[in-house]
N, C-alpha and C. Protein backbone atom coordinates (compact mmCIF):
# COMPACT_ATOMS: atom_id res chain seq x y z
N UNK A 1 -20.73 13.58 4.07
CA UNK A 1 -20.45 15.00 4.01
C UNK A 1 -21.11 15.69 5.19
N UNK A 2 -20.55 16.79 5.61
CA UNK A 2 -21.13 17.58 6.68
C UNK A 2 -22.36 18.31 6.16
N UNK A 3 -23.26 18.62 7.08
CA UNK A 3 -24.51 19.30 6.71
C UNK A 3 -24.24 20.61 5.98
N UNK A 4 -23.24 21.36 6.42
CA UNK A 4 -22.91 22.63 5.79
C UNK A 4 -22.52 22.48 4.33
N UNK A 5 -21.84 21.40 4.00
CA UNK A 5 -21.46 21.14 2.61
C UNK A 5 -22.67 20.72 1.77
N UNK A 6 -23.63 20.08 2.41
CA UNK A 6 -24.81 19.59 1.71
C UNK A 6 -25.86 20.66 1.47
N UNK A 7 -25.89 21.69 2.31
CA UNK A 7 -26.97 22.68 2.25
C UNK A 7 -27.17 23.31 0.88
N UNK A 8 -26.13 23.77 0.18
CA UNK A 8 -26.37 24.36 -1.15
C UNK A 8 -27.01 23.36 -2.12
N UNK A 9 -26.64 22.10 -2.01
CA UNK A 9 -27.22 21.07 -2.88
C UNK A 9 -28.68 20.84 -2.50
N UNK A 10 -28.95 20.78 -1.22
CA UNK A 10 -30.33 20.58 -0.75
C UNK A 10 -31.21 21.77 -1.13
N UNK A 11 -30.66 22.97 -1.05
CA UNK A 11 -31.43 24.16 -1.43
C UNK A 11 -31.88 24.07 -2.89
N UNK A 12 -31.04 23.57 -3.76
CA UNK A 12 -31.41 23.42 -5.17
C UNK A 12 -32.55 22.44 -5.33
N UNK A 13 -32.51 21.35 -4.58
CA UNK A 13 -33.57 20.34 -4.66
C UNK A 13 -34.88 20.90 -4.11
N UNK A 14 -34.82 21.64 -3.02
CA UNK A 14 -36.02 22.22 -2.41
C UNK A 14 -36.71 23.18 -3.38
N UNK A 15 -35.95 23.96 -4.11
CA UNK A 15 -36.53 24.89 -5.08
C UNK A 15 -37.20 24.12 -6.23
N UNK A 16 -36.58 23.06 -6.67
CA UNK A 16 -37.09 22.29 -7.80
C UNK A 16 -38.27 21.40 -7.41
N UNK A 17 -38.30 20.95 -6.16
CA UNK A 17 -39.34 20.02 -5.69
C UNK A 17 -40.02 20.60 -4.44
N UNK A 18 -40.80 21.67 -4.59
CA UNK A 18 -41.42 22.30 -3.42
C UNK A 18 -42.45 21.41 -2.72
N UNK A 19 -42.91 20.38 -3.41
CA UNK A 19 -43.90 19.46 -2.84
C UNK A 19 -43.27 18.33 -2.03
N UNK A 20 -41.95 18.32 -1.94
CA UNK A 20 -41.23 17.29 -1.19
C UNK A 20 -40.56 17.95 0.01
N UNK A 21 -40.80 17.41 1.18
CA UNK A 21 -40.15 17.90 2.40
C UNK A 21 -38.79 17.23 2.54
N UNK A 22 -37.77 18.05 2.74
CA UNK A 22 -36.41 17.54 2.88
C UNK A 22 -35.95 17.81 4.31
N UNK A 23 -35.47 16.77 4.97
CA UNK A 23 -34.94 16.92 6.32
C UNK A 23 -33.45 16.62 6.34
N UNK A 24 -32.73 17.32 7.19
CA UNK A 24 -31.29 17.14 7.32
C UNK A 24 -30.95 17.02 8.80
N UNK A 25 -30.31 15.91 9.16
CA UNK A 25 -30.04 15.61 10.56
C UNK A 25 -28.56 15.24 10.74
N UNK A 26 -27.75 16.18 11.23
CA UNK A 26 -26.33 15.86 11.44
C UNK A 26 -26.16 14.84 12.56
N UNK A 27 -25.15 14.02 12.41
CA UNK A 27 -24.82 13.00 13.42
C UNK A 27 -23.36 13.22 13.78
N UNK A 28 -23.12 13.73 14.95
CA UNK A 28 -21.78 14.16 15.32
C UNK A 28 -20.86 13.02 15.76
N UNK A 29 -21.40 12.01 16.42
CA UNK A 29 -20.52 10.99 17.01
C UNK A 29 -20.84 9.59 16.50
N UNK A 30 -20.94 9.46 15.19
CA UNK A 30 -21.23 8.16 14.59
C UNK A 30 -20.36 8.00 13.36
N UNK A 31 -19.59 6.97 13.33
CA UNK A 31 -18.69 6.75 12.19
C UNK A 31 -19.44 6.29 10.95
N UNK A 32 -20.69 5.81 11.10
CA UNK A 32 -21.44 5.28 9.96
C UNK A 32 -21.82 6.36 8.96
N UNK A 33 -22.14 7.56 9.46
CA UNK A 33 -22.50 8.66 8.57
C UNK A 33 -22.37 9.99 9.31
N UNK A 34 -22.32 11.09 8.55
CA UNK A 34 -22.22 12.41 9.15
C UNK A 34 -23.55 13.15 9.14
N UNK A 35 -24.36 12.92 8.11
CA UNK A 35 -25.64 13.61 7.99
C UNK A 35 -26.67 12.65 7.41
N UNK A 36 -27.80 12.56 8.07
CA UNK A 36 -28.92 11.75 7.58
C UNK A 36 -29.91 12.70 6.89
N UNK A 37 -30.31 12.34 5.69
CA UNK A 37 -31.28 13.14 4.94
C UNK A 37 -32.55 12.35 4.75
N UNK A 38 -33.68 13.06 4.78
CA UNK A 38 -34.96 12.42 4.51
C UNK A 38 -35.68 13.19 3.42
N UNK A 39 -36.41 12.47 2.59
CA UNK A 39 -37.22 13.05 1.53
C UNK A 39 -38.63 12.48 1.71
N UNK A 40 -39.59 13.34 2.00
CA UNK A 40 -40.96 12.90 2.28
C UNK A 40 -41.95 13.67 1.43
N UNK A 41 -43.02 12.99 1.05
CA UNK A 41 -44.09 13.64 0.31
C UNK A 41 -45.21 12.67 0.03
N UNK A 42 -46.28 13.18 -0.55
CA UNK A 42 -47.46 12.36 -0.85
C UNK A 42 -47.30 11.55 -2.14
N UNK A 43 -46.49 12.04 -3.06
CA UNK A 43 -46.30 11.39 -4.36
C UNK A 43 -44.95 10.68 -4.38
N UNK A 44 -45.00 9.34 -4.32
CA UNK A 44 -43.74 8.56 -4.27
C UNK A 44 -42.81 8.88 -5.43
N UNK A 45 -43.36 9.08 -6.61
CA UNK A 45 -42.52 9.35 -7.78
C UNK A 45 -41.77 10.68 -7.61
N UNK A 46 -42.44 11.68 -7.05
CA UNK A 46 -41.79 12.98 -6.83
C UNK A 46 -40.72 12.88 -5.74
N UNK A 47 -41.00 12.11 -4.69
CA UNK A 47 -40.03 11.92 -3.62
C UNK A 47 -38.77 11.25 -4.17
N UNK A 48 -38.95 10.21 -4.95
CA UNK A 48 -37.80 9.51 -5.54
C UNK A 48 -37.06 10.41 -6.53
N UNK A 49 -37.80 11.22 -7.28
CA UNK A 49 -37.16 12.14 -8.21
C UNK A 49 -36.32 13.18 -7.47
N UNK A 50 -36.84 13.68 -6.34
CA UNK A 50 -36.07 14.64 -5.54
C UNK A 50 -34.81 13.99 -4.98
N UNK A 51 -34.97 12.78 -4.46
CA UNK A 51 -33.81 12.05 -3.94
C UNK A 51 -32.77 11.84 -5.03
N UNK A 52 -33.22 11.39 -6.19
CA UNK A 52 -32.29 11.12 -7.28
C UNK A 52 -31.63 12.41 -7.79
N UNK A 53 -32.39 13.51 -7.81
CA UNK A 53 -31.81 14.79 -8.22
C UNK A 53 -30.71 15.19 -7.25
N UNK A 54 -30.95 15.00 -5.97
CA UNK A 54 -29.93 15.31 -4.97
C UNK A 54 -28.69 14.44 -5.17
N UNK A 55 -28.91 13.13 -5.32
CA UNK A 55 -27.77 12.22 -5.51
C UNK A 55 -26.96 12.61 -6.74
N UNK A 56 -27.63 13.12 -7.77
CA UNK A 56 -26.93 13.55 -8.97
C UNK A 56 -26.07 14.79 -8.76
N UNK A 57 -26.34 15.53 -7.70
CA UNK A 57 -25.55 16.73 -7.40
C UNK A 57 -24.31 16.45 -6.55
N UNK A 58 -24.25 15.27 -5.95
CA UNK A 58 -23.11 14.94 -5.10
C UNK A 58 -21.83 14.81 -5.93
N UNK A 59 -20.71 15.20 -5.36
CA UNK A 59 -19.44 15.02 -6.05
C UNK A 59 -19.19 13.54 -6.35
N UNK A 60 -18.58 13.28 -7.48
CA UNK A 60 -18.26 11.91 -7.89
C UNK A 60 -17.39 11.26 -6.83
N UNK A 61 -17.74 10.04 -6.46
CA UNK A 61 -16.96 9.28 -5.50
C UNK A 61 -17.34 9.52 -4.05
N UNK A 62 -18.28 10.45 -3.80
CA UNK A 62 -18.70 10.72 -2.42
C UNK A 62 -19.52 9.52 -1.92
N UNK A 63 -19.15 8.96 -0.78
CA UNK A 63 -19.89 7.80 -0.28
C UNK A 63 -21.35 8.16 0.04
N UNK A 64 -22.24 7.23 -0.26
CA UNK A 64 -23.65 7.45 0.01
C UNK A 64 -24.34 6.12 0.29
N UNK A 65 -25.40 6.20 1.04
CA UNK A 65 -26.21 5.01 1.36
C UNK A 65 -27.66 5.44 1.28
N UNK A 66 -28.47 4.70 0.53
CA UNK A 66 -29.89 5.01 0.45
C UNK A 66 -30.69 3.85 1.00
N UNK A 67 -31.79 4.19 1.65
CA UNK A 67 -32.67 3.18 2.23
C UNK A 67 -34.09 3.54 1.90
C-alpha cells in the first residue's frame, strides 16, 4: 500500500502505543514493496503488540511481509 493509505492506520497505532516509535519509508521504484514500516522501542512485547495491532488494521487480503 502507498504511504498515504497507511497513514490513518499508523496514526491509530501511534495513539495506542506512544512508547513505540513508528517509521514509514516509501519506496518509489521497487517492485518488492511500496512502503517499509518500522516499529522500535525498549519493550519488545510492546513493539510486537504495536506491529500486530497495525497488521490487524490492514484490509483483508492486502499483501504484507514481516521481518
